Amino acid sequence: MILEFIAAIAVGLAVGGIVHLLRRGSPGRIAPWAVPAAAGAAMIGFAVYMEYTWAGRTIDALPDEAVVASQNAVNSWYRPWTYLFPLTNRMIVVDHRFTRRNEAHPDHVLTGVVMLGRFEPGRQIPVVFDCAEGRRAELDAQVSFSDDGALEGADWRPLAADDPILRAACGST
């Protein structure tokens, strides 16, 4: 976040400097208020650009095995343009690099679910999906595996059949 702030200031200074040079090169043609107005507009434009391209840049940086299962788009009163063009601020990614299946329980898929947020550190959570029953259980300290690989002490949570995270986890082996 601090780097984007510094970059926005640099963009504002650069655009303001260019307008200032143009103003000095053509006296009387460019109003004095154009320098700070151009700098401010450039900074706002840069900030909006960075907000709207965050999701695409983040998706492009993901490994090939990662699948974006869900994106959260928001509208804000203090960003009125988001009512026309909603802004993605969070994503849920299923990382198939960590996907494992047990032959004794072929409908269970152990995989990594990564929660990404704008200006938030990513959090990876190990989750077991039961593809046949349409449910999930997070692996935490209370969960253990039996000798045959079954989960013991899991808090299974039901999911809708069309849940995008369930589909992303179960859709690949």
Protein backbone atom coordinates (compact mmCIF):
# COMPACT_ATOMS: atom_id res chain seq x y z
CA MET A 1 0.00 0.00 0.00
CA ILE A 2 2.82 2.42 0.82
CA LEU A 3 4.50 1.68 -2.51
CA GLU A 4 1.30 2.52 -4.39
CA PHE A 5 1.01 5.75 -2.40
CA ILE A 6 4.58 6.70 -3.32
CA ALA A 7 3.93 5.74 -6.95
CA ALA A 8 0.79 7.92 -7.01
CA ILE A 9 2.78 10.87 -5.71
CA ALA A 10 5.46 10.24 -8.35
CA VAL A 11 2.83 10.12 -11.10
CA GLY A 12 1.29 13.36 -9.81
CA LEU A 13 4.67 15.08 -9.70
CA ALA A 14 5.58 13.84 -13.19
CA VAL A 15 2.30 14.95 -14.79
CA GLY A 16 2.32 18.23 -12.87
CA GLY A 17 5.90 18.83 -14.00
CA ILE A 18 5.04 18.16 -17.63
CA VAL A 19 2.05 20.54 -17.51
CA HIS A 20 4.23 23.13 -15.78
CA LEU A 21 6.84 22.86 -18.56
CA LEU A 22 4.11 23.15 -21.21
CA ARG A 23 2.73 26.19 -19.39
CA ARG A 24 6.15 27.85 -19.31
CA GLY A 25 6.70 27.02 -22.99
CA SER A 26 3.43 28.62 -24.06
CA PRO A 27 2.80 31.63 -21.79
CA GLY A 28 -0.80 32.68 -21.45
CA ARG A 29 -2.28 29.58 -23.10
CA ILE A 30 -2.45 27.29 -20.07
CA ALA A 31 -4.07 28.55 -16.86
CA PRO A 32 -2.01 28.41 -13.65
CA TRP A 33 -4.53 26.11 -11.97
CA ALA A 34 -3.90 23.47 -14.67
CA VAL A 35 -0.67 22.30 -12.99
CA PRO A 36 -2.19 21.14 -9.67
CA ALA A 37 -5.38 20.02 -11.41
CA ALA A 38 -3.43 17.80 -13.80
CA ALA A 39 -1.33 16.40 -10.95
CA GLY A 40 -4.42 15.63 -8.87
CA ALA A 41 -6.27 14.08 -11.79
CA ALA A 42 -3.24 11.92 -12.61
CA MET A 43 -3.00 10.72 -9.00
CA ILE A 44 -6.71 9.88 -8.87
CA GLY A 45 -6.52 8.16 -12.26
CA PHE A 46 -3.51 6.13 -11.13
CA ALA A 47 -5.27 5.09 -7.92
CA VAL A 48 -8.40 4.02 -9.82
CA TYR A 49 -6.29 2.13 -12.35
CA MET A 50 -4.45 0.27 -9.58
CA GLU A 51 -7.73 -0.61 -7.85
CA TYR A 52 -9.34 -1.98 -11.00
CA THR A 53 -6.32 -3.90 -12.23
CA TRP A 54 -5.50 -5.52 -8.87
CA ALA A 55 -7.57 -8.63 -9.52
CA GLY A 56 -6.20 -9.17 -13.02
CA ARG A 57 -2.61 -8.61 -11.93
CA THR A 58 -3.08 -10.98 -9.00
CA ILE A 59 -4.66 -13.68 -11.18
CA ASP A 60 -1.84 -13.35 -13.72
CA ALA A 61 0.69 -13.89 -10.93
CA LEU A 62 -0.96 -17.11 -9.70
CA PRO A 63 0.59 -20.46 -10.61
CA ASP A 64 -1.02 -22.44 -13.44
CA GLU A 65 -2.45 -24.97 -10.97
CA ALA A 66 -4.43 -22.31 -9.09
CA VAL A 67 -8.11 -21.80 -9.94
CA VAL A 68 -9.98 -18.64 -9.01
CA ALA A 69 -13.20 -19.98 -7.50
CA SER A 70 -14.81 -16.77 -6.32
CA GLN A 71 -14.41 -13.02 -6.67
CA ASN A 72 -16.14 -10.45 -4.47
CA ALA A 73 -17.24 -7.28 -6.27
CA VAL A 74 -18.24 -4.25 -4.19
CA ASN A 75 -19.91 -0.89 -4.63
CA SER A 76 -19.12 2.10 -2.42
CA TRP A 77 -20.88 5.43 -1.99
CA TYR A 78 -17.52 7.22 -1.80
CA ARG A 79 -16.56 5.63 -5.14
CA PRO A 80 -19.68 6.30 -7.18
CA TRP A 81 -18.18 4.79 -10.35
CA THR A 82 -18.27 1.37 -8.67
CA TYR A 83 -22.04 1.31 -9.17
CA LEU A 84 -21.39 1.18 -12.91
CA PHE A 85 -18.21 -0.89 -12.72
CA PRO A 86 -18.06 -2.97 -9.50
CA LEU A 87 -14.63 -3.33 -7.95
CA THR A 88 -13.13 -6.72 -7.04
CA ASN A 89 -11.60 -6.53 -3.58
CA ARG A 90 -11.35 -10.21 -2.54
CA MET A 91 -10.86 -13.59 -4.18
CA ILE A 92 -10.89 -17.21 -3.14
CA VAL A 93 -8.43 -19.44 -4.98
CA VAL A 94 -8.14 -23.23 -4.94
CA ASP A 95 -4.48 -24.14 -5.25
CA HIS A 96 -4.26 -27.57 -6.88
CA ARG A 97 -0.52 -27.78 -6.29
CA PHE A 98 -1.46 -29.07 -2.84
CA THR A 99 -4.39 -31.28 -3.89
CA ARG A 100 -4.25 -34.82 -2.57
CA ARG A 101 -6.66 -37.74 -2.80
CA ASN A 102 -6.78 -40.93 -0.76
CA GLU A 103 -7.58 -44.16 -2.60
CA ALA A 104 -9.55 -45.37 0.43
CA HIS A 105 -11.73 -42.22 0.26
CA PRO A 106 -11.78 -41.19 -3.41
CA ASP A 107 -14.54 -38.60 -2.91
CA HIS A 108 -12.45 -36.64 -0.40
CA VAL A 109 -10.12 -33.99 -1.79
CA LEU A 110 -7.51 -32.33 0.41
CA THR A 111 -6.43 -29.03 -1.08
CA GLY A 112 -5.31 -25.53 -0.24
CA VAL A 113 -7.85 -22.73 -0.30
CA VAL A 114 -6.22 -19.30 -0.50
CA MET A 115 -8.08 -16.15 0.49
CA LEU A 116 -6.71 -13.03 -1.15
CA GLY A 117 -7.76 -9.49 -0.36
CA ARG A 118 -6.70 -6.08 -1.58
CA PHE A 119 -4.16 -4.69 0.92
CA GLU A 120 -4.42 -7.88 3.00
CA PRO A 121 -1.95 -10.73 3.31
CA GLY A 122 -3.06 -13.94 1.61
CA ARG A 123 -4.19 -16.74 3.90
CA GLN A 124 -3.97 -20.38 2.91
CA ILE A 125 -6.26 -22.83 4.66
CA PRO A 126 -6.01 -26.60 4.23
CA VAL A 127 -9.51 -27.89 3.49
CA VAL A 128 -10.96 -31.32 2.79
CA PHE A 129 -13.90 -31.38 0.40
CA ASP A 130 -16.31 -34.30 0.27
CA CYS A 131 -17.28 -34.18 -3.39
CA ALA A 132 -19.99 -36.85 -3.10
CA GLU A 133 -21.76 -35.32 -0.09
CA GLY A 134 -21.16 -31.66 -1.03
CA ARG A 135 -19.46 -30.55 2.17
CA ARG A 136 -16.14 -29.26 3.46
CA ALA A 137 -14.05 -29.41 6.61
CA GLU A 138 -11.13 -27.21 7.53
CA LEU A 139 -8.08 -28.96 8.90
CA ASP A 140 -7.34 -27.55 12.33
CA ALA A 141 -5.83 -28.82 15.57
CA GLN A 142 -8.93 -30.91 16.43
CA VAL A 143 -8.86 -32.86 13.16
CA SER A 144 -6.80 -36.01 12.78
CA PHE A 145 -6.55 -38.78 10.23
CA SER A 146 -7.36 -42.41 11.05
CA ASP A 147 -5.19 -45.26 9.79
CA ASP A 148 -7.24 -45.53 6.58
CA GLY A 149 -7.11 -41.77 5.96
CA ALA A 150 -10.61 -40.87 7.19
CA LEU A 151 -11.03 -37.57 9.01
CA GLU A 152 -11.71 -37.75 12.74
CA GLY A 153 -13.05 -34.78 14.66
CA ALA A 154 -13.82 -32.77 11.53
CA ASP A 155 -16.50 -30.10 11.55
CA TRP A 156 -18.18 -30.82 8.22
CA ARG A 157 -20.10 -27.90 6.74
CA PRO A 158 -22.65 -28.48 3.99
CA LEU A 159 -22.22 -26.68 0.68
CA ALA A 160 -24.64 -26.05 -2.15
CA ALA A 161 -24.22 -28.35 -5.13
CA ASP A 162 -23.34 -25.35 -7.31
CA ASP A 163 -20.86 -23.84 -4.82
CA PRO A 164 -18.00 -22.47 -6.94
CA ILE A 165 -15.31 -23.44 -4.43
CA LEU A 166 -16.61 -27.03 -4.24
CA ARG A 167 -16.70 -27.21 -8.05
CA ALA A 168 -13.16 -25.83 -8.30
CA ALA A 169 -11.81 -28.29 -5.73
CA CYS A 170 -13.61 -31.35 -7.03
CA GLY A 171 -13.27 -30.57 -10.71
CA SER A 172 -9.61 -31.56 -10.86
CA THR A 173 -7.78 -34.63 -9.69
